[in-house]
Amino acid sequence: MKKPPIRSALASWWRLVGFVRPWRGQIALATLAGVVAALATAAWARLLGPLLEAVLKGGDITLLGVTFQPADLALKLPFAVVTMAVVKALSTWAHSGLMATVAQRGLAALRKALYDRVLSLPPSWFEKRHSGELLSRFTADVAQVEFAVGTSLSSWLKDTLQTLALLAVCASIDGRLFLLTFLVIPGMVLPVSRFAKSARKAATK
C-alpha cells in the first residue's frame, strides 16, 4: 500500500485543523497549561535531588546560588517540592481536559459535515457502496481522527515540552551528562522507529 504524498497528507491535516479552529482560544490555553506543566516538572526534578541529598547527607545545600540551612530544609524545600508536584498535576489536568474538549467539539463538527455531505449525494452513489462502508466512515474513521487531534496531538505537545524542560535541567546540573544524553538518544530512537514502522505495516495489512 503506497503512502499518501506529503502534500496530500498536509492538506488533509490542514482540513482537520479547520474543524477545531473555532476553539483556538482553548487550544492556546491548553498549550499554556502544557508549558506550565513542563516547567513544573523541570522544577520538581531540580528540587528533588537536593532534597534527597539533604536527607541522606545532611548539612547545608546550595541550590541555584541560594544556600539552605538545615532548619530551612525541614520546611521550605519539601514545601517547594510538594508545590511543584501540585502545579504539575493541575496544569497537566487542565491541558488534557482542554484538548479533550476541543477534540470532542471538532469531532461533532466533522460528523455533522460528513452527514451533510452524505445527504447531498445522489441515490446512484449509494447503490455502488455497502452500508458497512458508510458506517465505518462515521465510526472507525472519525474515531481515528479524534485520536489524532485529541490524544496524539495532546501527548506530543506535552511530552515534547517536558523533554525540552528536563534537558534544560540536565544541562544546568552537569554539562557532561547533558552531552551523554544526546549520545544515548539516537541509539534509543533507531530501534523504536524500526519497531513502529513494522507495527504500522502490520496495522495497515
N, C-alpha and C. Protein backbone atom coordinates (compact mmCIF):
# COMPACT_ATOMS: atom_id res chain seq x y z
N MET A 1 0.85 -1.19 0.00
CA MET A 1 0.00 0.00 0.00
C MET A 1 0.88 1.24 0.00
N LYS A 2 0.70 2.12 -0.98
CA LYS A 2 1.53 3.30 -1.12
C LYS A 2 1.15 4.35 -0.08
N LYS A 3 2.17 5.05 0.38
CA LYS A 3 1.93 6.14 1.30
C LYS A 3 1.37 7.34 0.55
N PRO A 4 0.47 8.12 1.17
CA PRO A 4 -0.04 9.31 0.51
C PRO A 4 1.07 10.34 0.36
N PRO A 5 1.03 11.15 -0.71
CA PRO A 5 2.04 12.19 -0.87
C PRO A 5 2.05 13.14 0.33
N ILE A 6 3.22 13.73 0.55
CA ILE A 6 3.35 14.62 1.70
C ILE A 6 2.39 15.80 1.58
N ARG A 7 2.26 16.36 0.37
CA ARG A 7 1.36 17.49 0.20
C ARG A 7 -0.08 17.10 0.50
N SER A 8 -0.47 15.89 0.05
CA SER A 8 -1.82 15.43 0.32
C SER A 8 -2.06 15.24 1.81
N ALA A 9 -1.07 14.68 2.51
CA ALA A 9 -1.20 14.48 3.95
C ALA A 9 -1.30 15.82 4.67
N LEU A 10 -0.47 16.79 4.27
CA LEU A 10 -0.53 18.11 4.89
C LEU A 10 -1.85 18.80 4.61
N ALA A 11 -2.36 18.64 3.38
CA ALA A 11 -3.65 19.24 3.04
C ALA A 11 -4.77 18.63 3.88
N SER A 12 -4.72 17.32 4.07
CA SER A 12 -5.73 16.65 4.90
C SER A 12 -5.63 17.12 6.35
N TRP A 13 -4.41 17.25 6.84
CA TRP A 13 -4.22 17.71 8.21
C TRP A 13 -4.73 19.13 8.38
N TRP A 14 -4.49 19.98 7.37
CA TRP A 14 -4.95 21.37 7.45
C TRP A 14 -6.48 21.44 7.42
N ARG A 15 -7.11 20.54 6.68
CA ARG A 15 -8.57 20.48 6.69
C ARG A 15 -9.09 20.07 8.06
N LEU A 16 -8.40 19.15 8.72
CA LEU A 16 -8.82 18.75 10.06
C LEU A 16 -8.64 19.89 11.05
N VAL A 17 -7.57 20.66 10.88
CA VAL A 17 -7.35 21.81 11.76
C VAL A 17 -8.50 22.80 11.65
N GLY A 18 -9.10 22.88 10.44
CA GLY A 18 -10.22 23.79 10.25
C GLY A 18 -11.41 23.47 11.13
N PHE A 19 -11.58 22.20 11.50
CA PHE A 19 -12.72 21.82 12.34
C PHE A 19 -12.52 22.24 13.80
N VAL A 20 -11.30 22.43 14.23
CA VAL A 20 -11.04 22.84 15.62
C VAL A 20 -10.60 24.30 15.72
N ARG A 21 -10.48 24.98 14.57
CA ARG A 21 -10.05 26.37 14.59
C ARG A 21 -10.98 27.28 15.39
N PRO A 22 -12.30 27.07 15.39
CA PRO A 22 -13.16 27.96 16.21
C PRO A 22 -12.82 27.95 17.69
N TRP A 23 -12.12 26.94 18.16
CA TRP A 23 -11.78 26.86 19.59
C TRP A 23 -10.28 27.07 19.79
N ARG A 24 -9.70 27.94 18.96
CA ARG A 24 -8.25 28.19 19.06
C ARG A 24 -7.89 28.84 20.39
N GLY A 25 -8.84 29.55 21.02
CA GLY A 25 -8.57 30.12 22.33
C GLY A 25 -8.31 29.04 23.37
N GLN A 26 -9.14 27.99 23.33
CA GLN A 26 -8.93 26.88 24.26
C GLN A 26 -7.64 26.13 23.95
N ILE A 27 -7.30 26.03 22.65
CA ILE A 27 -6.04 25.38 22.28
C ILE A 27 -4.86 26.19 22.82
N ALA A 28 -4.96 27.53 22.75
CA ALA A 28 -3.89 28.37 23.29
C ALA A 28 -3.76 28.18 24.80
N LEU A 29 -4.91 28.09 25.51
CA LEU A 29 -4.88 27.86 26.95
C LEU A 29 -4.28 26.48 27.27
N ALA A 30 -4.64 25.47 26.45
CA ALA A 30 -4.08 24.13 26.64
C ALA A 30 -2.57 24.14 26.44
N THR A 31 -2.11 24.88 25.43
CA THR A 31 -0.67 24.99 25.19
C THR A 31 0.03 25.66 26.36
N LEU A 32 -0.60 26.73 26.88
CA LEU A 32 -0.03 27.42 28.05
C LEU A 32 0.03 26.48 29.25
N ALA A 33 -1.03 25.69 29.46
CA ALA A 33 -1.03 24.72 30.56
C ALA A 33 0.06 23.68 30.37
N GLY A 34 0.31 23.28 29.10
CA GLY A 34 1.39 22.35 28.83
C GLY A 34 2.75 22.93 29.15
N VAL A 35 2.92 24.21 28.86
CA VAL A 35 4.19 24.88 29.19
C VAL A 35 4.38 24.94 30.71
N VAL A 36 3.32 25.28 31.43
CA VAL A 36 3.39 25.32 32.89
C VAL A 36 3.72 23.94 33.46
N ALA A 37 3.07 22.90 32.90
CA ALA A 37 3.34 21.53 33.36
C ALA A 37 4.80 21.14 33.11
N ALA A 38 5.33 21.53 31.95
CA ALA A 38 6.73 21.21 31.65
C ALA A 38 7.67 21.93 32.60
N LEU A 39 7.41 23.21 32.87
CA LEU A 39 8.27 23.96 33.79
C LEU A 39 8.17 23.40 35.20
N ALA A 40 6.95 23.02 35.61
CA ALA A 40 6.78 22.45 36.95
C ALA A 40 7.49 21.11 37.07
N THR A 41 7.43 20.32 36.00
CA THR A 41 8.14 19.04 36.00
C THR A 41 9.64 19.25 36.13
N ALA A 42 10.17 20.22 35.39
CA ALA A 42 11.61 20.51 35.46
C ALA A 42 12.00 21.01 36.85
N ALA A 43 11.17 21.91 37.42
CA ALA A 43 11.47 22.43 38.75
C ALA A 43 11.40 21.33 39.80
N TRP A 44 10.40 20.46 39.67
CA TRP A 44 10.25 19.34 40.62
C TRP A 44 11.48 18.44 40.57
N ALA A 45 11.94 18.12 39.36
CA ALA A 45 13.12 17.27 39.22
C ALA A 45 14.37 17.96 39.76
N ARG A 46 14.44 19.28 39.56
CA ARG A 46 15.61 20.02 40.04
C ARG A 46 15.64 20.11 41.56
N LEU A 47 14.47 20.17 42.20
CA LEU A 47 14.41 20.30 43.65
C LEU A 47 14.54 18.96 44.36
N LEU A 48 14.13 17.89 43.69
CA LEU A 48 14.11 16.59 44.35
C LEU A 48 15.51 16.09 44.68
N GLY A 49 16.46 16.35 43.80
CA GLY A 49 17.83 15.90 44.04
C GLY A 49 18.42 16.51 45.31
N PRO A 50 18.42 17.84 45.44
CA PRO A 50 18.93 18.44 46.68
C PRO A 50 18.17 17.99 47.93
N LEU A 51 16.86 17.75 47.80
CA LEU A 51 16.11 17.30 48.96
C LEU A 51 16.60 15.93 49.43
N LEU A 52 16.81 15.02 48.49
CA LEU A 52 17.33 13.70 48.85
C LEU A 52 18.75 13.80 49.41
N GLU A 53 19.53 14.70 48.82
CA GLU A 53 20.90 14.88 49.33
C GLU A 53 20.90 15.40 50.75
N ALA A 54 19.95 16.30 51.05
CA ALA A 54 19.86 16.84 52.40
C ALA A 54 19.43 15.78 53.40
N VAL A 55 18.51 14.89 52.97
CA VAL A 55 18.03 13.84 53.86
C VAL A 55 19.13 12.82 54.13
N LEU A 56 19.89 12.47 53.09
CA LEU A 56 20.88 11.41 53.23
C LEU A 56 22.20 11.90 53.83
N LYS A 57 22.62 13.11 53.46
CA LYS A 57 23.92 13.61 53.91
C LYS A 57 23.83 14.62 55.03
N GLY A 58 22.77 15.44 55.02
CA GLY A 58 22.65 16.50 56.00
C GLY A 58 23.52 17.68 55.63
N GLY A 59 23.52 18.70 56.46
CA GLY A 59 24.34 19.88 56.20
C GLY A 59 23.64 20.86 55.29
N ASP A 60 24.39 21.91 54.90
CA ASP A 60 23.83 22.95 54.03
C ASP A 60 23.72 22.45 52.59
N ILE A 61 22.74 22.99 51.88
CA ILE A 61 22.53 22.66 50.48
C ILE A 61 22.45 23.95 49.69
N THR A 62 23.22 24.04 48.60
CA THR A 62 23.19 25.20 47.72
C THR A 62 22.41 24.85 46.45
N LEU A 63 21.40 25.64 46.16
CA LEU A 63 20.54 25.40 45.00
C LEU A 63 20.34 26.71 44.28
N LEU A 64 20.81 26.76 43.02
CA LEU A 64 20.67 27.96 42.18
C LEU A 64 21.26 29.20 42.88
N GLY A 65 22.39 28.98 43.53
CA GLY A 65 23.06 30.09 44.19
C GLY A 65 22.52 30.44 45.56
N VAL A 66 21.49 29.74 46.03
CA VAL A 66 20.90 30.02 47.34
C VAL A 66 21.28 28.89 48.28
N THR A 67 21.82 29.23 49.46
CA THR A 67 22.22 28.23 50.44
C THR A 67 21.11 28.03 51.46
N PHE A 68 20.70 26.78 51.63
CA PHE A 68 19.66 26.43 52.58
C PHE A 68 20.31 25.82 53.82
N GLN A 69 19.97 26.36 54.99
CA GLN A 69 20.43 25.81 56.25
C GLN A 69 19.59 24.58 56.61
N PRO A 70 20.09 23.72 57.51
CA PRO A 70 19.31 22.54 57.92
C PRO A 70 17.92 22.89 58.43
N ALA A 71 17.80 24.02 59.13
CA ALA A 71 16.48 24.42 59.63
C ALA A 71 15.53 24.75 58.49
N ASP A 72 16.06 25.34 57.41
CA ASP A 72 15.22 25.67 56.25
C ASP A 72 14.83 24.41 55.47
N LEU A 73 15.74 23.45 55.44
CA LEU A 73 15.48 22.24 54.66
C LEU A 73 14.31 21.44 55.23
N ALA A 74 14.06 21.58 56.51
CA ALA A 74 12.99 20.81 57.12
C ALA A 74 11.62 21.28 56.67
N LEU A 75 11.52 22.50 56.12
CA LEU A 75 10.21 23.03 55.76
C LEU A 75 10.16 23.58 54.34
N LYS A 76 11.09 24.48 54.01
CA LYS A 76 11.00 25.21 52.75
C LYS A 76 11.16 24.30 51.53
N LEU A 77 12.20 23.46 51.54
CA LEU A 77 12.46 22.62 50.38
C LEU A 77 11.37 21.57 50.16
N PRO A 78 10.93 20.85 51.21
CA PRO A 78 9.82 19.92 50.99
C PRO A 78 8.55 20.62 50.52
N PHE A 79 8.29 21.82 51.06
CA PHE A 79 7.11 22.58 50.64
C PHE A 79 7.21 22.94 49.16
N ALA A 80 8.41 23.32 48.72
CA ALA A 80 8.60 23.67 47.32
C ALA A 80 8.39 22.46 46.41
N VAL A 81 8.88 21.29 46.85
CA VAL A 81 8.71 20.06 46.05
C VAL A 81 7.23 19.71 45.94
N VAL A 82 6.50 19.76 47.04
CA VAL A 82 5.07 19.45 47.03
C VAL A 82 4.30 20.47 46.18
N THR A 83 4.69 21.74 46.27
CA THR A 83 4.02 22.77 45.47
C THR A 83 4.21 22.52 43.98
N MET A 84 5.42 22.18 43.58
CA MET A 84 5.68 21.91 42.17
C MET A 84 4.90 20.68 41.69
N ALA A 85 4.78 19.67 42.56
CA ALA A 85 4.01 18.47 42.19
C ALA A 85 2.54 18.81 42.00
N VAL A 86 1.99 19.67 42.86
CA VAL A 86 0.59 20.07 42.73
C VAL A 86 0.38 20.90 41.46
N VAL A 87 1.30 21.84 41.21
CA VAL A 87 1.19 22.66 39.99
C VAL A 87 1.27 21.78 38.74
N LYS A 88 2.18 20.81 38.76
CA LYS A 88 2.31 19.89 37.63
C LYS A 88 1.02 19.11 37.40
N ALA A 89 0.44 18.58 38.49
CA ALA A 89 -0.79 17.78 38.36
C ALA A 89 -1.94 18.63 37.84
N LEU A 90 -2.11 19.83 38.37
CA LEU A 90 -3.23 20.69 37.95
C LEU A 90 -3.07 21.15 36.50
N SER A 91 -1.86 21.54 36.12
CA SER A 91 -1.65 22.01 34.75
C SER A 91 -1.78 20.87 33.74
N THR A 92 -1.32 19.67 34.12
CA THR A 92 -1.50 18.51 33.23
C THR A 92 -2.97 18.18 33.07
N TRP A 93 -3.71 18.25 34.16
CA TRP A 93 -5.16 18.01 34.11
C TRP A 93 -5.85 19.04 33.22
N ALA A 94 -5.46 20.32 33.36
CA ALA A 94 -6.06 21.38 32.54
C ALA A 94 -5.72 21.18 31.07
N HIS A 95 -4.47 20.84 30.79
CA HIS A 95 -4.05 20.62 29.40
C HIS A 95 -4.83 19.47 28.76
N SER A 96 -4.90 18.34 29.46
CA SER A 96 -5.60 17.17 28.90
C SER A 96 -7.09 17.45 28.75
N GLY A 97 -7.68 18.11 29.75
CA GLY A 97 -9.10 18.39 29.69
C GLY A 97 -9.47 19.33 28.55
N LEU A 98 -8.69 20.40 28.38
CA LEU A 98 -8.97 21.35 27.31
C LEU A 98 -8.79 20.71 25.94
N MET A 99 -7.74 19.93 25.76
CA MET A 99 -7.52 19.28 24.48
C MET A 99 -8.61 18.25 24.18
N ALA A 100 -9.06 17.53 25.21
CA ALA A 100 -10.14 16.56 25.01
C ALA A 100 -11.44 17.27 24.63
N THR A 101 -11.71 18.42 25.25
CA THR A 101 -12.92 19.18 24.92
C THR A 101 -12.88 19.67 23.48
N VAL A 102 -11.75 20.21 23.07
CA VAL A 102 -11.60 20.68 21.69
C VAL A 102 -11.76 19.53 20.70
N ALA A 103 -11.17 18.37 21.04
CA ALA A 103 -11.26 17.21 20.16
C ALA A 103 -12.71 16.75 20.00
N GLN A 104 -13.46 16.73 21.09
CA GLN A 104 -14.86 16.30 21.02
C GLN A 104 -15.71 17.28 20.22
N ARG A 105 -15.47 18.56 20.38
CA ARG A 105 -16.23 19.55 19.61
C ARG A 105 -15.86 19.49 18.13
N GLY A 106 -14.58 19.32 17.85
CA GLY A 106 -14.17 19.17 16.46
C GLY A 106 -14.73 17.90 15.85
N LEU A 107 -14.81 16.85 16.66
CA LEU A 107 -15.37 15.58 16.19
C LEU A 107 -16.85 15.74 15.84
N ALA A 108 -17.58 16.47 16.68
CA ALA A 108 -19.00 16.72 16.39
C ALA A 108 -19.17 17.51 15.10
N ALA A 109 -18.30 18.51 14.90
CA ALA A 109 -18.37 19.30 13.66
C ALA A 109 -18.03 18.45 12.45
N LEU A 110 -17.07 17.56 12.59
CA LEU A 110 -16.69 16.68 11.50
C LEU A 110 -17.82 15.72 11.14
N ARG A 111 -18.46 15.14 12.16
CA ARG A 111 -19.57 14.22 11.90
C ARG A 111 -20.74 14.95 11.22
N LYS A 112 -21.00 16.18 11.64
CA LYS A 112 -22.07 16.95 11.01
C LYS A 112 -21.75 17.24 9.55
N ALA A 113 -20.49 17.63 9.27
CA ALA A 113 -20.09 17.89 7.89
C ALA A 113 -20.19 16.62 7.05
N LEU A 114 -19.80 15.50 7.63
CA LEU A 114 -19.88 14.23 6.93
C LEU A 114 -21.33 13.85 6.65
N TYR A 115 -22.19 14.06 7.63
CA TYR A 115 -23.62 13.75 7.47
C TYR A 115 -24.25 14.63 6.40
N ASP A 116 -23.91 15.93 6.40
CA ASP A 116 -24.44 16.84 5.38
C ASP A 116 -23.96 16.42 3.99
N ARG A 117 -22.73 15.95 3.91
CA ARG A 117 -22.20 15.52 2.62
C ARG A 117 -22.92 14.28 2.11
N VAL A 118 -23.17 13.34 3.01
CA VAL A 118 -23.88 12.11 2.62
C VAL A 118 -25.28 12.42 2.13
N LEU A 119 -25.96 13.36 2.78
CA LEU A 119 -27.32 13.71 2.38
C LEU A 119 -27.37 14.38 1.00
N SER A 120 -26.25 14.99 0.61
CA SER A 120 -26.22 15.69 -0.69
C SER A 120 -25.87 14.78 -1.86
N LEU A 121 -25.50 13.52 -1.58
CA LEU A 121 -25.09 12.61 -2.65
C LEU A 121 -26.32 12.02 -3.35
N PRO A 122 -26.19 11.72 -4.64
CA PRO A 122 -27.31 11.14 -5.38
C PRO A 122 -27.53 9.67 -5.01
N PRO A 123 -28.74 9.13 -5.25
CA PRO A 123 -29.01 7.71 -4.92
C PRO A 123 -28.07 6.74 -5.62
N SER A 124 -27.61 7.10 -6.84
CA SER A 124 -26.72 6.19 -7.57
C SER A 124 -25.41 5.96 -6.82
N TRP A 125 -24.98 6.92 -6.05
CA TRP A 125 -23.73 6.78 -5.27
C TRP A 125 -23.88 5.70 -4.21
N PHE A 126 -25.04 5.63 -3.58
CA PHE A 126 -25.28 4.64 -2.53
C PHE A 126 -25.43 3.23 -3.10
N GLU A 127 -25.87 3.14 -4.34
CA GLU A 127 -26.05 1.82 -4.96
C GLU A 127 -24.71 1.13 -5.20
N LYS A 128 -23.63 1.88 -5.30
CA LYS A 128 -22.33 1.31 -5.60
C LYS A 128 -21.51 1.02 -4.34
N ARG A 129 -22.07 1.28 -3.18
CA ARG A 129 -21.31 1.11 -1.94
C ARG A 129 -22.12 0.34 -0.91
N HIS A 130 -21.38 -0.34 -0.03
CA HIS A 130 -22.03 -1.12 1.02
C HIS A 130 -22.37 -0.21 2.20
N SER A 131 -23.41 -0.61 2.92
CA SER A 131 -23.80 0.17 4.10
C SER A 131 -22.72 0.11 5.18
N GLY A 132 -22.00 -1.02 5.24
CA GLY A 132 -20.92 -1.14 6.22
C GLY A 132 -19.82 -0.12 6.00
N GLU A 133 -19.56 0.23 4.74
CA GLU A 133 -18.54 1.24 4.44
C GLU A 133 -18.94 2.60 4.99
N LEU A 134 -20.22 2.93 4.83
CA LEU A 134 -20.70 4.21 5.34
C LEU A 134 -20.63 4.25 6.86
N LEU A 135 -21.02 3.16 7.50
CA LEU A 135 -20.94 3.11 8.96
C LEU A 135 -19.49 3.22 9.43
N SER A 136 -18.58 2.62 8.69
CA SER A 136 -17.16 2.70 9.05
C SER A 136 -16.66 4.14 8.99
N ARG A 137 -17.16 4.92 8.02
CA ARG A 137 -16.74 6.32 7.91
C ARG A 137 -17.16 7.11 9.14
N PHE A 138 -18.38 6.82 9.63
CA PHE A 138 -18.90 7.58 10.76
C PHE A 138 -18.34 7.11 12.10
N THR A 139 -17.92 5.86 12.18
CA THR A 139 -17.46 5.31 13.47
C THR A 139 -15.94 5.18 13.51
N ALA A 140 -15.40 4.24 12.77
CA ALA A 140 -13.96 3.95 12.86
C ALA A 140 -13.10 5.11 12.37
N ASP A 141 -13.42 5.65 11.19
CA ASP A 141 -12.57 6.71 10.62
C ASP A 141 -12.61 7.98 11.46
N VAL A 142 -13.81 8.36 11.88
CA VAL A 142 -13.92 9.57 12.69
C VAL A 142 -13.25 9.38 14.05
N ALA A 143 -13.32 8.16 14.59
CA ALA A 143 -12.64 7.88 15.87
C ALA A 143 -11.13 8.00 15.72
N GLN A 144 -10.59 7.61 14.58
CA GLN A 144 -9.16 7.77 14.34
C GLN A 144 -8.77 9.24 14.28
N VAL A 145 -9.66 10.04 13.69
CA VAL A 145 -9.40 11.47 13.65
C VAL A 145 -9.43 12.05 15.06
N GLU A 146 -10.37 11.58 15.89
CA GLU A 146 -10.44 12.04 17.27
C GLU A 146 -9.14 11.72 18.00
N PHE A 147 -8.61 10.52 17.78
CA PHE A 147 -7.36 10.13 18.44
C PHE A 147 -6.21 11.01 17.97
N ALA A 148 -6.18 11.30 16.65
CA ALA A 148 -5.09 12.11 16.10
C ALA A 148 -5.14 13.54 16.62
N VAL A 149 -6.34 14.12 16.65
CA VAL A 149 -6.48 15.51 17.05
C VAL A 149 -6.41 15.66 18.57
N GLY A 150 -6.98 14.70 19.28
CA GLY A 150 -7.04 14.82 20.73
C GLY A 150 -5.87 14.18 21.44
N THR A 151 -5.86 12.86 21.52
CA THR A 151 -4.87 12.15 22.33
C THR A 151 -3.45 12.32 21.79
N SER A 152 -3.25 12.04 20.50
CA SER A 152 -1.89 12.07 19.94
C SER A 152 -1.30 13.47 19.98
N LEU A 153 -2.08 14.47 19.52
CA LEU A 153 -1.56 15.83 19.50
C LEU A 153 -1.29 16.34 20.90
N SER A 154 -2.19 16.02 21.84
CA SER A 154 -2.00 16.46 23.22
C SER A 154 -0.75 15.83 23.83
N SER A 155 -0.58 14.52 23.63
CA SER A 155 0.59 13.84 24.19
C SER A 155 1.88 14.34 23.54
N TRP A 156 1.83 14.54 22.22
CA TRP A 156 3.03 15.01 21.52
C TRP A 156 3.45 16.38 22.03
N LEU A 157 2.49 17.27 22.20
CA LEU A 157 2.82 18.62 22.66
C LEU A 157 3.35 18.59 24.09
N LYS A 158 2.65 17.89 24.98
CA LYS A 158 3.05 17.86 26.39
C LYS A 158 4.40 17.16 26.57
N ASP A 159 4.57 16.02 25.92
CA ASP A 159 5.83 15.27 26.08
C ASP A 159 7.02 16.02 25.50
N THR A 160 6.81 16.71 24.38
CA THR A 160 7.90 17.48 23.78
C THR A 160 8.34 18.61 24.70
N LEU A 161 7.38 19.34 25.27
CA LEU A 161 7.72 20.44 26.18
C LEU A 161 8.43 19.91 27.43
N GLN A 162 7.95 18.79 27.98
CA GLN A 162 8.58 18.24 29.17
C GLN A 162 9.99 17.73 28.88
N THR A 163 10.17 17.13 27.71
CA THR A 163 11.50 16.65 27.35
C THR A 163 12.49 17.81 27.23
N LEU A 164 12.07 18.90 26.60
CA LEU A 164 12.95 20.07 26.47
C LEU A 164 13.27 20.67 27.84
N ALA A 165 12.26 20.73 28.71
CA ALA A 165 12.49 21.29 30.04
C ALA A 165 13.44 20.43 30.86
N LEU A 166 13.27 19.11 30.78
CA LEU A 166 14.16 18.22 31.54
C LEU A 166 15.57 18.22 30.98
N LEU A 167 15.71 18.40 29.67
CA LEU A 167 17.04 18.53 29.09
C LEU A 167 17.73 19.80 29.58
N ALA A 168 16.93 20.86 29.74
CA ALA A 168 17.50 22.10 30.28
C ALA A 168 17.97 21.89 31.71
N VAL A 169 17.20 21.13 32.51
CA VAL A 169 17.62 20.82 33.88
C VAL A 169 18.90 20.00 33.87
N CYS A 170 18.94 19.03 32.96
CA CYS A 170 20.13 18.18 32.84
C CYS A 170 21.36 19.03 32.50
N ALA A 171 21.19 19.99 31.60
CA ALA A 171 22.31 20.85 31.22
C ALA A 171 22.76 21.73 32.38
N SER A 172 21.79 22.19 33.20
CA SER A 172 22.14 23.05 34.33
C SER A 172 22.86 22.29 35.43
N ILE A 173 22.58 20.99 35.56
CA ILE A 173 23.21 20.19 36.61
C ILE A 173 24.62 19.76 36.21
N ASP A 174 24.73 19.21 35.00
CA ASP A 174 26.03 18.66 34.56
C ASP A 174 26.06 18.69 33.04
N GLY A 175 26.96 19.49 32.48
CA GLY A 175 27.07 19.58 31.03
C GLY A 175 27.48 18.27 30.39
N ARG A 176 28.32 17.50 31.07
CA ARG A 176 28.75 16.21 30.51
C ARG A 176 27.59 15.22 30.45
N LEU A 177 26.74 15.25 31.48
CA LEU A 177 25.56 14.39 31.47
C LEU A 177 24.61 14.80 30.35
N PHE A 178 24.54 16.10 30.10
CA PHE A 178 23.70 16.62 29.01
C PHE A 178 24.19 16.10 27.66
N LEU A 179 25.50 16.14 27.43
CA LEU A 179 26.06 15.63 26.18
C LEU A 179 25.88 14.12 26.07
N LEU A 180 26.01 13.42 27.19
CA LEU A 180 25.83 11.97 27.18
C LEU A 180 24.40 11.60 26.79
N THR A 181 23.45 12.43 27.19
CA THR A 181 22.05 12.18 26.82
C THR A 181 21.89 12.19 25.31
N PHE A 182 22.53 13.13 24.64
CA PHE A 182 22.43 13.21 23.19
C PHE A 182 23.16 12.06 22.49
N LEU A 183 24.12 11.47 23.17
CA LEU A 183 24.78 10.30 22.60
C LEU A 183 23.92 9.04 22.75
N VAL A 184 23.11 8.99 23.81
CA VAL A 184 22.28 7.81 24.07
C VAL A 184 20.98 7.86 23.28
N ILE A 185 20.40 9.05 23.11
CA ILE A 185 19.09 9.17 22.47
C ILE A 185 19.05 8.55 21.07
N PRO A 186 20.04 8.82 20.18
CA PRO A 186 19.96 8.18 18.84
C PRO A 186 19.93 6.67 18.91
N GLY A 187 20.66 6.07 19.86
CA GLY A 187 20.63 4.62 19.99
C GLY A 187 19.29 4.09 20.45
N MET A 188 18.50 4.94 21.14
CA MET A 188 17.16 4.54 21.57
C MET A 188 16.13 4.78 20.47
N VAL A 189 16.32 5.85 19.70
CA VAL A 189 15.33 6.21 18.68
C VAL A 189 15.32 5.21 17.54
N LEU A 190 16.48 4.72 17.13
CA LEU A 190 16.57 3.83 15.98
C LEU A 190 15.76 2.55 16.15
N PRO A 191 15.94 1.77 17.23
CA PRO A 191 15.13 0.55 17.36
C PRO A 191 13.65 0.84 17.54
N VAL A 192 13.32 1.94 18.24
CA VAL A 192 11.91 2.27 18.44
C VAL A 192 11.25 2.64 17.11
N SER A 193 11.96 3.42 16.28
CA SER A 193 11.40 3.81 14.98
C SER A 193 11.24 2.61 14.06
N ARG A 194 12.18 1.68 14.11
CA ARG A 194 12.07 0.47 13.29
C ARG A 194 10.89 -0.38 13.73
N PHE A 195 10.71 -0.49 15.05
CA PHE A 195 9.56 -1.25 15.56
C PHE A 195 8.26 -0.58 15.16
N ALA A 196 8.21 0.76 15.26
CA ALA A 196 6.99 1.49 14.90
C ALA A 196 6.67 1.31 13.42
N LYS A 197 7.71 1.29 12.57
CA LYS A 197 7.47 1.11 11.14
C LYS A 197 6.91 -0.27 10.84
N SER A 198 7.45 -1.30 11.48
CA SER A 198 6.93 -2.66 11.26
C SER A 198 5.52 -2.80 11.83
N ALA A 199 5.26 -2.16 12.97
CA ALA A 199 3.91 -2.21 13.55
C ALA A 199 2.91 -1.50 12.65
N ARG A 200 3.33 -0.40 12.03
CA ARG A 200 2.45 0.33 11.13
C ARG A 200 2.11 -0.49 9.90
N LYS A 201 3.10 -1.24 9.38
CA LYS A 201 2.83 -2.09 8.23
C LYS A 201 1.84 -3.20 8.60
N ALA A 202 2.02 -3.79 9.78
CA ALA A 202 1.11 -4.85 10.22
C ALA A 202 -0.30 -4.30 10.40
N ALA A 203 -0.40 -3.08 10.98
CA ALA A 203 -1.72 -2.49 11.18
C ALA A 203 -2.40 -2.17 9.84
N THR A 204 -1.60 -1.74 8.85
CA THR A 204 -2.16 -1.43 7.53
C THR A 204 -2.72 -2.67 6.87
N LYS A 205 -1.97 -3.81 7.00
CA LYS A 205 -2.46 -5.06 6.41
C LYS A 205 -3.75 -5.52 7.09
